[in-house]
All heavy atoms as atom14 arrays in JSON, in Angstrom:
{
  "sequence": "HTDNLCHYKKLWSTPLIPEIRDYMGCGAIHIGTKVKK",
  "atom14_mask": [
    [1, 1, 1, 1, 1, 1, 1, 1, 1, 1, 0, 0, 0, 0],
    [1, 1, 1, 1, 1, 1, 1, 0, 0, 0, 0, 0, 0, 0],
    [1, 1, 1, 1, 1, 1, 1, 1, 0, 0, 0, 0, 0, 0],
    [1, 1, 1, 1, 1, 1, 1, 1, 0, 0, 0, 0, 0, 0],
    [1, 1, 1, 1, 1, 1, 1, 1, 0, 0, 0, 0, 0, 0],
    [1, 1, 1, 1, 1, 1, 0, 0, 0, 0, 0, 0, 0, 0],
    [1, 1, 1, 1, 1, 1, 1, 1, 1, 1, 0, 0, 0, 0],
    [1, 1, 1, 1, 1, 1, 1, 1, 1, 1, 1, 1, 0, 0],
    [1, 1, 1, 1, 1, 1, 1, 1, 1, 0, 0, 0, 0, 0],
    [1, 1, 1, 1, 1, 1, 1, 1, 1, 0, 0, 0, 0, 0],
    [1, 1, 1, 1, 1, 1, 1, 1, 0, 0, 0, 0, 0, 0],
    [1, 1, 1, 1, 1, 1, 1, 1, 1, 1, 1, 1, 1, 1],
    [1, 1, 1, 1, 1, 1, 0, 0, 0, 0, 0, 0, 0, 0],
    [1, 1, 1, 1, 1, 1, 1, 0, 0, 0, 0, 0, 0, 0],
    [1, 1, 1, 1, 1, 1, 1, 0, 0, 0, 0, 0, 0, 0],
    [1, 1, 1, 1, 1, 1, 1, 1, 0, 0, 0, 0, 0, 0],
    [1, 1, 1, 1, 1, 1, 1, 1, 0, 0, 0, 0, 0, 0],
    [1, 1, 1, 1, 1, 1, 1, 0, 0, 0, 0, 0, 0, 0],
    [1, 1, 1, 1, 1, 1, 1, 1, 1, 0, 0, 0, 0, 0],
    [1, 1, 1, 1, 1, 1, 1, 1, 0, 0, 0, 0, 0, 0],
    [1, 1, 1, 1, 1, 1, 1, 1, 1, 1, 1, 0, 0, 0],
    [1, 1, 1, 1, 1, 1, 1, 1, 0, 0, 0, 0, 0, 0],
    [1, 1, 1, 1, 1, 1, 1, 1, 1, 1, 1, 1, 0, 0],
    [1, 1, 1, 1, 1, 1, 1, 1, 0, 0, 0, 0, 0, 0],
    [1, 1, 1, 1, 0, 0, 0, 0, 0, 0, 0, 0, 0, 0],
    [1, 1, 1, 1, 1, 1, 0, 0, 0, 0, 0, 0, 0, 0],
    [1, 1, 1, 1, 0, 0, 0, 0, 0, 0, 0, 0, 0, 0],
    [1, 1, 1, 1, 1, 0, 0, 0, 0, 0, 0, 0, 0, 0],
    [1, 1, 1, 1, 1, 1, 1, 1, 0, 0, 0, 0, 0, 0],
    [1, 1, 1, 1, 1, 1, 1, 1, 1, 1, 0, 0, 0, 0],
    [1, 1, 1, 1, 1, 1, 1, 1, 0, 0, 0, 0, 0, 0],
    [1, 1, 1, 1, 0, 0, 0, 0, 0, 0, 0, 0, 0, 0],
    [1, 1, 1, 1, 1, 1, 1, 0, 0, 0, 0, 0, 0, 0],
    [1, 1, 1, 1, 1, 1, 1, 1, 1, 0, 0, 0, 0, 0],
    [1, 1, 1, 1, 1, 1, 1, 0, 0, 0, 0, 0, 0, 0],
    [1, 1, 1, 1, 1, 1, 1, 1, 1, 0, 0, 0, 0, 0],
    [1, 1, 1, 1, 1, 1, 1, 1, 1, 0, 0, 0, 0, 0]
  ],
  "atom14_positions": [
    [[0.84, -1.21, 0.0], [0.0, 0.0, 0.0], [0.87, 1.26, 0.0], [0.65, 2.19, 0.79], [-0.95, 0.01, 1.21], [-1.97, -1.07, 1.19], [-3.03, -1.1, 0.31], [-2.08, -2.19, 1.96], [-3.76, -2.18, 0.52], [-3.2, -2.87, 1.51], [0.0, 0.0, 0.0], [0.0, 0.0, 0.0], [0.0, 0.0, 0.0], [0.0, 0.0, 0.0]],
    [[1.85, 1.27, -0.89], [2.81, 2.4, -0.93], [2.55, 3.34, -2.11], [3.38, 4.19, -2.4], [4.26, 1.87, -1.02], [4.38, 1.01, -2.16], [4.62, 1.09, 0.24], [0.0, 0.0, 0.0], [0.0, 0.0, 0.0], [0.0, 0.0, 0.0], [0.0, 0.0, 0.0], [0.0, 0.0, 0.0], [0.0, 0.0, 0.0], [0.0, 0.0, 0.0]],
    [[1.39, 3.22, -2.78], [1.13, 4.04, -3.96], [1.2, 5.54, -3.65], [1.58, 6.33, -4.51], [-0.25, 3.72, -4.54], [-0.3, 2.34, -5.19], [0.78, 1.74, -5.39], [-1.41, 1.85, -5.49], [0.0, 0.0, 0.0], [0.0, 0.0, 0.0], [0.0, 0.0, 0.0], [0.0, 0.0, 0.0], [0.0, 0.0, 0.0], [0.0, 0.0, 0.0]],
    [[0.82, 5.92, -2.45], [0.79, 7.33, -2.1], [2.01, 7.79, -1.31], [2.06, 8.93, -0.84], [-0.48, 7.63, -1.28], [-1.74, 7.39, -2.09], [-1.89, 7.91, -3.19], [-2.65, 6.58, -1.57], [0.0, 0.0, 0.0], [0.0, 0.0, 0.0], [0.0, 0.0, 0.0], [0.0, 0.0, 0.0], [0.0, 0.0, 0.0], [0.0, 0.0, 0.0]],
    [[3.0, 6.92, -1.19], [4.2, 7.27, -0.42], [4.9, 8.49, -1.0], [5.45, 9.31, -0.27], [5.16, 6.07, -0.38], [6.48, 6.26, 0.37], [6.23, 6.62, 1.83], [7.32, 4.99, 0.29], [0.0, 0.0, 0.0], [0.0, 0.0, 0.0], [0.0, 0.0, 0.0], [0.0, 0.0, 0.0], [0.0, 0.0, 0.0], [0.0, 0.0, 0.0]],
    [[4.85, 8.66, -2.32], [5.55, 9.78, -2.96], [4.97, 11.13, -2.54], [5.62, 12.16, -2.72], [5.5, 9.63, -4.48], [3.83, 9.67, -5.17], [0.0, 0.0, 0.0], [0.0, 0.0, 0.0], [0.0, 0.0, 0.0], [0.0, 0.0, 0.0], [0.0, 0.0, 0.0], [0.0, 0.0, 0.0], [0.0, 0.0, 0.0], [0.0, 0.0, 0.0]],
    [[3.77, 11.15, -2.0], [3.17, 12.4, -1.53], [3.71, 12.8, -0.16], [3.46, 13.92, 0.3], [1.65, 12.27, -1.47], [1.02, 12.08, -2.81], [0.57, 13.12, -3.59], [0.78, 10.95, -3.53], [0.07, 12.64, -4.72], [0.18, 11.33, -4.7], [0.0, 0.0, 0.0], [0.0, 0.0, 0.0], [0.0, 0.0, 0.0], [0.0, 0.0, 0.0]],
    [[4.41, 11.89, 0.48], [4.88, 12.12, 1.84], [6.4, 12.04, 1.97], [6.96, 12.54, 2.93], [4.26, 11.1, 2.79], [2.75, 11.18, 2.89], [1.95, 10.44, 2.05], [2.16, 12.01, 3.83], [0.57, 10.53, 2.13], [0.78, 12.1, 3.93], [-0.01, 11.35, 3.08], [-1.38, 11.44, 3.16], [0.0, 0.0, 0.0], [0.0, 0.0, 0.0]],
    [[7.05, 11.37, 1.02], [8.48, 11.14, 1.15], [9.11, 11.09, -0.24], [8.53, 10.51, -1.17], [8.72, 9.81, 1.87], [10.17, 9.46, 2.11], [10.28, 8.14, 2.88], [11.73, 7.75, 3.12], [11.85, 6.48, 3.86], [0.0, 0.0, 0.0], [0.0, 0.0, 0.0], [0.0, 0.0, 0.0], [0.0, 0.0, 0.0], [0.0, 0.0, 0.0]],
    [[10.28, 11.69, -0.39], [10.97, 11.69, -1.68], [11.45, 10.28, -2.02], [12.11, 9.62, -1.21], [12.16, 12.65, -1.67], [12.89, 12.73, -3.0], [13.95, 13.8, -2.97], [14.74, 13.84, -4.27], [13.88, 14.1, -5.43], [0.0, 0.0, 0.0], [0.0, 0.0, 0.0], [0.0, 0.0, 0.0], [0.0, 0.0, 0.0], [0.0, 0.0, 0.0]],
    [[11.1, 9.8, -3.21], [11.54, 8.5, -3.69], [12.47, 8.7, -4.87], [12.38, 9.69, -5.6], [10.34, 7.65, -4.11], [9.25, 7.44, -3.05], [8.08, 6.64, -3.64], [9.8, 6.73, -1.83], [0.0, 0.0, 0.0], [0.0, 0.0, 0.0], [0.0, 0.0, 0.0], [0.0, 0.0, 0.0], [0.0, 0.0, 0.0], [0.0, 0.0, 0.0]],
    [[13.36, 7.73, -5.08], [14.32, 7.87, -6.18], [13.64, 7.93, -7.53], [14.13, 8.56, -8.46], [15.32, 6.71, -6.16], [14.7, 5.38, -6.51], [14.14, 4.48, -5.66], [14.59, 4.8, -7.82], [13.67, 3.39, -6.33], [13.93, 3.55, -7.67], [14.96, 5.22, -9.1], [13.65, 2.72, -8.75], [14.67, 4.39, -10.18], [14.03, 3.16, -10.0]],
    [[12.46, 7.33, -7.65], [11.79, 7.22, -8.95], [10.79, 8.34, -9.21], [10.26, 8.47, -10.31], [11.05, 5.87, -9.05], [10.11, 5.75, -8.0], [0.0, 0.0, 0.0], [0.0, 0.0, 0.0], [0.0, 0.0, 0.0], [0.0, 0.0, 0.0], [0.0, 0.0, 0.0], [0.0, 0.0, 0.0], [0.0, 0.0, 0.0], [0.0, 0.0, 0.0]],
    [[10.51, 9.18, -8.2], [9.5, 10.21, -8.36], [9.96, 11.5, -7.7], [10.69, 11.47, -6.72], [8.16, 9.79, -7.72], [8.37, 9.57, -6.32], [7.6, 8.53, -8.35], [0.0, 0.0, 0.0], [0.0, 0.0, 0.0], [0.0, 0.0, 0.0], [0.0, 0.0, 0.0], [0.0, 0.0, 0.0], [0.0, 0.0, 0.0], [0.0, 0.0, 0.0]],
    [[9.5, 12.64, -8.2], [9.8, 13.9, -7.51], [9.0, 13.97, -6.21], [7.96, 13.34, -6.07], [9.32, 14.96, -8.51], [8.25, 14.27, -9.29], [8.68, 12.83, -9.41], [0.0, 0.0, 0.0], [0.0, 0.0, 0.0], [0.0, 0.0, 0.0], [0.0, 0.0, 0.0], [0.0, 0.0, 0.0], [0.0, 0.0, 0.0], [0.0, 0.0, 0.0]],
    [[9.51, 14.75, -5.29], [8.81, 14.91, -4.02], [7.59, 15.8, -4.2], [7.66, 16.88, -4.77], [9.74, 15.56, -2.98], [9.09, 15.89, -1.63], [8.66, 14.61, -0.93], [10.06, 16.66, -0.75], [0.0, 0.0, 0.0], [0.0, 0.0, 0.0], [0.0, 0.0, 0.0], [0.0, 0.0, 0.0], [0.0, 0.0, 0.0], [0.0, 0.0, 0.0]],
    [[6.47, 15.3, -3.75], [5.26, 16.11, -3.7], [5.09, 16.51, -2.24], [4.99, 15.64, -1.38], [4.03, 15.32, -4.18], [4.28, 14.84, -5.63], [2.77, 16.16, -4.1], [3.22, 13.92, -6.15], [0.0, 0.0, 0.0], [0.0, 0.0, 0.0], [0.0, 0.0, 0.0], [0.0, 0.0, 0.0], [0.0, 0.0, 0.0], [0.0, 0.0, 0.0]],
    [[5.09, 17.78, -1.9], [5.08, 18.2, -0.5], [3.96, 17.53, 0.28], [2.86, 17.33, -0.23], [4.89, 19.72, -0.58], [5.42, 20.08, -1.92], [5.1, 18.92, -2.82], [0.0, 0.0, 0.0], [0.0, 0.0, 0.0], [0.0, 0.0, 0.0], [0.0, 0.0, 0.0], [0.0, 0.0, 0.0], [0.0, 0.0, 0.0], [0.0, 0.0, 0.0]],
    [[4.25, 17.2, 1.52], [3.27, 16.53, 2.38], [2.01, 17.39, 2.5], [2.08, 18.57, 2.74], [3.85, 16.27, 3.76], [2.87, 15.57, 4.69], [3.49, 15.25, 6.02], [4.72, 15.36, 6.14], [2.74, 14.91, 6.93], [0.0, 0.0, 0.0], [0.0, 0.0, 0.0], [0.0, 0.0, 0.0], [0.0, 0.0, 0.0], [0.0, 0.0, 0.0]],
    [[0.88, 16.75, 2.31], [-0.41, 17.42, 2.42], [-1.22, 16.64, 3.44], [-1.56, 15.48, 3.2], [-1.15, 17.46, 1.07], [-0.27, 18.12, 0.0], [-2.47, 18.19, 1.2], [-0.82, 18.01, -1.39], [0.0, 0.0, 0.0], [0.0, 0.0, 0.0], [0.0, 0.0, 0.0], [0.0, 0.0, 0.0], [0.0, 0.0, 0.0], [0.0, 0.0, 0.0]],
    [[-1.52, 17.25, 4.55], [-2.14, 16.49, 5.64], [-3.46, 15.87, 5.22], [-3.78, 14.76, 5.61], [-2.35, 17.4, 6.86], [-3.05, 16.68, 7.99], [-3.05, 17.49, 9.26], [-3.83, 16.79, 10.27], [-3.9, 17.15, 11.53], [-3.23, 18.19, 11.95], [-4.63, 16.48, 12.39], [0.0, 0.0, 0.0], [0.0, 0.0, 0.0], [0.0, 0.0, 0.0]],
    [[-4.26, 16.58, 4.39], [-5.55, 16.04, 4.0], [-5.5, 15.45, 2.59], [-6.47, 15.44, 1.87], [-6.63, 17.12, 4.08], [-6.35, 18.32, 3.19], [-5.24, 18.38, 2.61], [-7.22, 19.19, 3.08], [0.0, 0.0, 0.0], [0.0, 0.0, 0.0], [0.0, 0.0, 0.0], [0.0, 0.0, 0.0], [0.0, 0.0, 0.0], [0.0, 0.0, 0.0]],
    [[-4.32, 14.93, 2.21], [-4.19, 14.33, 0.88], [-5.24, 13.25, 0.66], [-5.44, 12.38, 1.49], [-2.78, 13.73, 0.71], [-2.62, 12.99, -0.59], [-2.61, 13.69, -1.79], [-2.55, 11.61, -0.62], [-2.48, 13.03, -2.98], [-2.44, 10.94, -1.82], [-2.4, 11.65, -3.0], [-2.3, 10.98, -4.19], [0.0, 0.0, 0.0], [0.0, 0.0, 0.0]],
    [[-5.94, 13.35, -0.46], [-7.01, 12.4, -0.82], [-8.06, 12.3, 0.29], [-8.69, 11.27, 0.5], [-6.43, 11.01, -1.12], [-5.59, 10.96, -2.38], [-5.03, 9.3, -2.79], [-6.6, 8.5, -3.14], [0.0, 0.0, 0.0], [0.0, 0.0, 0.0], [0.0, 0.0, 0.0], [0.0, 0.0, 0.0], [0.0, 0.0, 0.0], [0.0, 0.0, 0.0]],
    [[-8.25, 13.4, 1.02], [-9.27, 13.4, 2.05], [-8.86, 12.71, 3.32], [-9.67, 12.55, 4.24], [0.0, 0.0, 0.0], [0.0, 0.0, 0.0], [0.0, 0.0, 0.0], [0.0, 0.0, 0.0], [0.0, 0.0, 0.0], [0.0, 0.0, 0.0], [0.0, 0.0, 0.0], [0.0, 0.0, 0.0], [0.0, 0.0, 0.0], [0.0, 0.0, 0.0]],
    [[-7.6, 12.28, 3.41], [-7.14, 11.56, 4.59], [-6.48, 12.52, 5.56], [-5.52, 13.2, 5.21], [-6.16, 10.45, 4.2], [-5.58, 9.49, 5.6], [0.0, 0.0, 0.0], [0.0, 0.0, 0.0], [0.0, 0.0, 0.0], [0.0, 0.0, 0.0], [0.0, 0.0, 0.0], [0.0, 0.0, 0.0], [0.0, 0.0, 0.0], [0.0, 0.0, 0.0]],
    [[-6.98, 12.58, 6.78], [-6.44, 13.48, 7.77], [-5.36, 12.85, 8.62], [-4.94, 13.43, 9.62], [0.0, 0.0, 0.0], [0.0, 0.0, 0.0], [0.0, 0.0, 0.0], [0.0, 0.0, 0.0], [0.0, 0.0, 0.0], [0.0, 0.0, 0.0], [0.0, 0.0, 0.0], [0.0, 0.0, 0.0], [0.0, 0.0, 0.0], [0.0, 0.0, 0.0]],
    [[-4.9, 11.66, 8.23], [-3.85, 10.99, 9.0], [-2.52, 11.73, 8.84], [-2.24, 12.32, 7.79], [-3.7, 9.54, 8.53], [0.0, 0.0, 0.0], [0.0, 0.0, 0.0], [0.0, 0.0, 0.0], [0.0, 0.0, 0.0], [0.0, 0.0, 0.0], [0.0, 0.0, 0.0], [0.0, 0.0, 0.0], [0.0, 0.0, 0.0], [0.0, 0.0, 0.0]],
    [[-1.71, 11.69, 9.88], [-0.43, 12.41, 9.89], [0.71, 11.41, 9.71], [0.88, 10.51, 10.53], [-0.26, 13.18, 11.21], [-1.42, 14.16, 11.4], [1.08, 13.92, 11.24], [-1.5, 14.74, 12.8], [0.0, 0.0, 0.0], [0.0, 0.0, 0.0], [0.0, 0.0, 0.0], [0.0, 0.0, 0.0], [0.0, 0.0, 0.0], [0.0, 0.0, 0.0]],
    [[1.48, 11.58, 8.65], [2.6, 10.69, 8.38], [3.75, 11.02, 9.33], [4.16, 12.17, 9.47], [3.06, 10.85, 6.93], [4.2, 9.97, 6.56], [5.37, 10.45, 6.04], [4.33, 8.62, 6.64], [6.19, 9.44, 5.81], [5.59, 8.32, 6.17], [0.0, 0.0, 0.0], [0.0, 0.0, 0.0], [0.0, 0.0, 0.0], [0.0, 0.0, 0.0]],
    [[4.28, 9.99, 9.99], [5.34, 10.2, 10.97], [6.6, 9.42, 10.62], [7.48, 9.23, 11.44], [4.81, 9.85, 12.39], [5.71, 10.45, 13.47], [4.63, 8.35, 12.55], [5.21, 10.27, 14.88], [0.0, 0.0, 0.0], [0.0, 0.0, 0.0], [0.0, 0.0, 0.0], [0.0, 0.0, 0.0], [0.0, 0.0, 0.0], [0.0, 0.0, 0.0]],
    [[6.7, 8.96, 9.37], [7.88, 8.22, 8.94], [9.14, 9.08, 9.0], [9.2, 10.14, 8.38], [0.0, 0.0, 0.0], [0.0, 0.0, 0.0], [0.0, 0.0, 0.0], [0.0, 0.0, 0.0], [0.0, 0.0, 0.0], [0.0, 0.0, 0.0], [0.0, 0.0, 0.0], [0.0, 0.0, 0.0], [0.0, 0.0, 0.0], [0.0, 0.0, 0.0]],
    [[10.15, 8.62, 9.74], [11.42, 9.33, 9.96], [11.15, 10.75, 10.48], [11.77, 11.72, 10.05], [12.28, 9.37, 8.68], [12.22, 8.09, 8.03], [13.74, 9.64, 9.01], [0.0, 0.0, 0.0], [0.0, 0.0, 0.0], [0.0, 0.0, 0.0], [0.0, 0.0, 0.0], [0.0, 0.0, 0.0], [0.0, 0.0, 0.0], [0.0, 0.0, 0.0]],
    [[10.25, 10.84, 11.44], [9.91, 12.12, 12.06], [9.67, 11.91, 13.55], [9.42, 10.79, 14.0], [8.66, 12.72, 11.42], [8.81, 13.12, 9.96], [7.52, 13.66, 9.43], [7.67, 14.01, 7.95], [6.38, 14.48, 7.37], [0.0, 0.0, 0.0], [0.0, 0.0, 0.0], [0.0, 0.0, 0.0], [0.0, 0.0, 0.0], [0.0, 0.0, 0.0]],
    [[9.72, 13.01, 14.27], [9.39, 13.02, 15.68], [8.29, 14.06, 15.88], [8.41, 15.19, 15.41], [10.6, 13.36, 16.56], [10.23, 13.37, 18.03], [11.75, 12.37, 16.31], [0.0, 0.0, 0.0], [0.0, 0.0, 0.0], [0.0, 0.0, 0.0], [0.0, 0.0, 0.0], [0.0, 0.0, 0.0], [0.0, 0.0, 0.0], [0.0, 0.0, 0.0]],
    [[7.23, 13.68, 16.56], [6.11, 14.58, 16.8], [5.7, 14.49, 18.27], [5.96, 13.5, 18.95], [4.9, 14.19, 15.94], [5.12, 14.22, 14.45], [5.06, 15.61, 13.89], [5.08, 15.61, 12.37], [5.02, 16.98, 11.81], [0.0, 0.0, 0.0], [0.0, 0.0, 0.0], [0.0, 0.0, 0.0], [0.0, 0.0, 0.0], [0.0, 0.0, 0.0]],
    [[5.0, 15.53, 18.73], [4.44, 15.52, 20.08], [2.94, 15.71, 19.97], [2.47, 16.65, 19.31], [5.06, 16.63, 20.93], [4.73, 16.54, 22.41], [5.61, 17.5, 23.21], [5.35, 17.38, 24.71], [4.04, 17.95, 25.09], [0.0, 0.0, 0.0], [0.0, 0.0, 0.0], [0.0, 0.0, 0.0], [0.0, 0.0, 0.0], [0.0, 0.0, 0.0]]
  ]
}
């Protein structure tokens, strides 16, 4: 289920699309290689 990973993280095969919290209507917060409080 990594089709939308490029919207959250730069991949070698795709340009980075800046993280959008409500991407595709999803309000989930991506925390991969991040620290949040």
